[in-house]
Protein backbone atom coordinates (compact mmCIF):
# COMPACT_ATOMS: atom_id res chain seq x y z
CA MET A 1 -56.44 -224.03 3.86
CA ILE A 2 -56.86 -220.38 4.92
CA ILE A 3 -60.64 -220.80 5.07
CA LEU A 4 -60.16 -223.81 7.33
CA ASP A 5 -57.94 -221.83 9.79
CA PHE A 6 -60.44 -218.95 9.86
CA GLY A 7 -63.17 -221.43 10.65
CA LEU A 8 -61.09 -222.88 13.47
CA VAL A 9 -60.67 -219.41 14.97
CA LEU A 10 -64.38 -218.69 14.75
CA SER A 11 -65.22 -221.97 16.43
CA SER A 12 -62.94 -221.20 19.42
CA VAL A 13 -64.68 -217.86 20.27
CA PRO A 14 -67.32 -218.39 22.98
CA ASP A 15 -70.92 -217.47 22.18
CA GLY A 16 -72.01 -213.91 23.04
CA ARG A 17 -68.48 -212.43 23.18
CA PRO A 18 -67.03 -212.24 19.67
CA PHE A 19 -64.07 -209.97 20.69
CA GLY A 20 -63.60 -211.31 24.20
CA MET A 21 -64.47 -207.90 25.73
CA ASP A 22 -64.96 -208.67 29.39
CA SER A 23 -64.42 -206.27 32.30
CA GLN A 24 -60.79 -207.29 32.81
CA THR A 25 -59.94 -206.45 29.16
CA ILE A 26 -61.61 -203.04 29.45
CA VAL A 27 -59.71 -202.31 32.72
CA GLN A 28 -56.42 -203.29 31.03
CA ILE A 29 -57.15 -201.03 28.03
CA VAL A 30 -57.94 -198.08 30.33
CA ALA A 31 -54.84 -198.78 32.45
CA ASN A 32 -52.65 -198.92 29.33
CA LEU A 33 -54.09 -195.61 28.07
CA ILE A 34 -53.38 -193.98 31.46
CA ASN A 35 -49.82 -195.42 31.45
CA VAL A 36 -49.19 -194.07 27.95
CA GLY A 37 -50.48 -190.64 28.97
CA VAL A 38 -48.36 -190.54 32.15
CA LEU A 39 -45.29 -191.74 30.22
CA ALA A 40 -45.82 -189.08 27.54
CA PHE A 41 -46.13 -186.37 30.22
CA ILE A 42 -42.99 -187.53 32.07
CA LEU A 43 -40.97 -187.73 28.86
CA ALA A 44 -42.18 -184.29 27.80
CA PHE A 45 -41.21 -182.88 31.20
CA LEU A 46 -37.83 -184.63 31.38
CA LEU A 47 -36.68 -184.36 27.76
CA TYR A 48 -38.49 -181.57 25.94
CA ARG A 49 -37.50 -178.66 28.17
CA PRO A 50 -33.78 -179.54 28.43
CA ILE A 51 -33.51 -180.11 24.69
CA ARG A 52 -35.28 -176.84 24.03
CA GLY A 53 -32.79 -175.12 26.39
CA ILE A 54 -29.83 -176.70 24.58
CA LEU A 55 -31.19 -175.57 21.21
CA ARG A 56 -31.76 -172.05 22.56
CA LYS A 57 -28.14 -171.88 23.81
CA ARG A 58 -26.86 -173.08 20.47
CA ALA A 59 -28.93 -170.47 18.62
CA ASP A 60 -27.56 -167.76 20.95
CA LYS A 61 -24.01 -168.95 20.31
CA ILE A 62 -24.52 -168.86 16.54
CA GLU A 63 -26.05 -165.40 16.78
CA GLY A 64 -23.02 -164.25 18.79
CA GLN A 65 -20.67 -165.63 16.17
CA LEU A 66 -22.61 -163.88 13.40
CA GLN A 67 -22.39 -160.63 15.35
CA HIS A 68 -18.65 -161.15 15.74
CA ALA A 69 -18.31 -161.71 12.00
CA GLU A 70 -20.26 -158.51 11.31
CA ASP A 71 -17.96 -156.65 13.72
CA GLU A 72 -14.91 -158.01 11.91
CA ILE A 73 -16.35 -156.93 8.56
CA ALA A 74 -16.96 -153.46 9.99
CA LYS A 75 -13.36 -153.35 11.25
CA ALA A 76 -12.07 -154.39 7.83
CA GLU A 77 -14.16 -151.66 6.18
CA LYS A 78 -12.84 -149.13 8.69
CA LEU A 79 -9.26 -150.17 7.90
CA ARG A 80 -9.97 -149.84 4.19
CA LEU A 81 -11.34 -146.31 4.71
CA GLN A 82 -8.30 -145.39 6.81
CA TYR A 83 -6.04 -146.71 4.09
CA GLU A 84 -7.84 -144.67 1.44
CA LYS A 85 -7.59 -141.59 3.65
CA LYS A 86 -3.85 -142.14 4.09
CA MET A 87 -3.47 -142.60 0.35
CA ASP A 88 -5.25 -139.29 -0.25
CA GLU A 89 -2.99 -137.58 2.30
CA VAL A 90 0.11 -139.03 0.66
CA GLN A 91 -1.15 -137.89 -2.74
CA ARG A 92 -1.81 -134.38 -1.44
CA GLU A 93 1.57 -134.30 0.26
CA ARG A 94 3.23 -135.48 -2.92
CA ASP A 95 1.41 -132.80 -4.92
CA ILE A 96 2.44 -130.13 -2.42
CA ILE A 97 6.05 -131.25 -2.54
CA LEU A 98 6.03 -131.27 -6.32
CA SER A 99 4.49 -127.81 -6.56
CA ASP A 100 7.00 -126.38 -4.08
CA THR A 101 9.84 -127.96 -5.99
CA ARG A 102 8.60 -126.49 -9.26
CA LYS A 103 8.15 -123.09 -7.69
CA ASN A 104 11.70 -123.09 -6.28
CA ALA A 105 13.07 -124.32 -9.58
CA THR A 106 11.39 -121.46 -11.45
CA GLU A 107 12.65 -118.84 -8.96
CA THR A 108 16.25 -120.02 -9.03
CA GLY A 109 16.36 -119.93 -12.77
CA GLN A 110 17.47 -121.96 -15.69
CA ARG A 111 20.69 -123.05 -14.07
CA LEU A 112 18.94 -124.95 -11.24
CA ILE A 113 16.22 -126.58 -13.42
CA ALA A 114 18.19 -129.76 -14.02
CA GLU A 115 19.07 -130.10 -10.33
CA ALA A 116 15.48 -129.47 -9.21
CA LYS A 117 14.23 -132.03 -11.71
CA LYS A 118 16.53 -134.67 -10.22
CA GLU A 119 15.35 -133.78 -6.73
CA ALA A 120 11.71 -133.98 -7.79
CA ASP A 121 12.35 -137.40 -9.30
CA ALA A 122 13.94 -138.55 -6.04
CA ILE A 123 10.98 -137.23 -4.07
CA ARG A 124 8.60 -138.92 -6.47
CA ALA A 125 10.51 -142.19 -6.09
CA ARG A 126 10.38 -141.94 -2.29
CA ALA A 127 6.70 -141.05 -2.37
CA THR A 128 6.06 -143.97 -4.73
CA ALA A 129 8.07 -146.28 -2.47
CA ASN A 130 6.13 -145.00 0.54
CA ILE A 131 2.88 -145.45 -1.33
CA GLU A 132 3.83 -148.99 -2.30
CA LEU A 133 4.83 -149.79 1.28
CA GLU A 134 1.57 -148.36 2.60
CA TRP A 135 -0.33 -150.22 -0.11
CA GLU A 136 1.34 -153.53 0.77
CA ARG A 137 0.84 -152.96 4.49
CA ALA A 138 -2.84 -152.13 4.03
CA GLU A 139 -3.28 -155.02 1.60
CA SER A 140 -1.74 -157.36 4.16
CA GLU A 141 -3.99 -156.02 6.92
CA MET A 142 -7.06 -156.34 4.72
CA ARG A 143 -6.06 -159.85 3.67
CA THR A 144 -5.67 -160.83 7.34
CA ALA A 145 -9.04 -159.33 8.26
CA ILE A 146 -10.73 -161.01 5.32
CA ILE A 147 -9.16 -164.34 6.26
CA GLU A 148 -10.36 -163.98 9.85
CA VAL A 149 -13.90 -163.09 8.77
CA SER A 150 -13.93 -165.87 6.20
CA SER A 151 -12.73 -168.42 8.72
CA VAL A 152 -15.41 -167.40 11.22
CA MET A 153 -18.12 -167.57 8.56
CA ALA A 154 -16.81 -170.85 7.22
CA GLU A 155 -16.75 -172.29 10.73
CA LYS A 156 -20.39 -171.30 11.22
CA PHE A 157 -21.39 -172.68 7.88
CA VAL A 158 -19.55 -175.92 8.50
CA THR A 159 -21.00 -176.22 11.98
CA LEU A 160 -24.53 -175.78 10.70
CA ALA A 161 -24.72 -177.56 7.38
CA ILE A 162 -21.79 -179.73 6.39
CA ASN A 163 -21.13 -183.39 7.15
CA LYS A 164 -17.66 -184.96 7.01
CA LYS A 165 -17.88 -186.06 3.37
CA THR A 166 -19.12 -182.66 2.13
CA HIS A 167 -16.53 -180.87 4.29
CA ASP A 168 -13.68 -182.88 2.74
CA ARG A 169 -14.96 -182.24 -0.79
CA LEU A 170 -15.34 -178.47 -0.20
CA PHE A 171 -11.88 -178.24 1.36
CA ASP A 172 -10.28 -180.01 -1.61
CA ASP A 173 -12.16 -177.77 -4.08
CA THR A 174 -11.16 -174.61 -2.21
CA MET A 175 -7.52 -175.62 -2.03
CA ALA A 176 -7.54 -176.37 -5.77
CA ASP A 177 -9.04 -172.92 -6.43
CA LEU A 178 -6.49 -171.18 -4.20
CA GLU A 179 -3.56 -172.81 -6.01
CA GLY A 180 -4.48 -170.84 -9.13
CA ILE A 181 -4.68 -167.45 -7.39
CA LYS A 182 -1.67 -165.19 -7.87
CA TRP A 183 -1.20 -162.74 -5.02
CA ARG A 184 0.12 -159.31 -5.83
CA SER A 185 3.62 -158.92 -4.49
């Protein structure tokens, strides 16, 4: 049956023109090629440049956010260094206070040793309390800075690479991990 249909097609083609290529067909082919070329040029002009501009703006925004995150990390590092410096100063101050107390206790004699020891213990307790307060304050500041930096980085990461389903899964996993963390109090 297929051979019969092919034969029918061959019999309907006029003699001398097996593909029906007359001047009108050639003009239509050339006109279609010109139309396709003009359409491609117009689309490239109208769509390519604006899309490229949008992508460039987005890349600049992401770069700005990365720079902001780096700045926040630098601030957190600066706070950590300031905290360590304060801790060293407190330690030196504590050592100075202890040495002065010992010196005074030795000069006043055996009778004042017990009293000086109590005073040194009180000073040590205050210094320890101050150290703990400074430690907690610095820890809180560092925790806040780390949270801010993490949220900025997570926002960038989510914006760039995560769809809704992956975002929900990562959030659930992170919350499950955070439930097990015990913060120092």
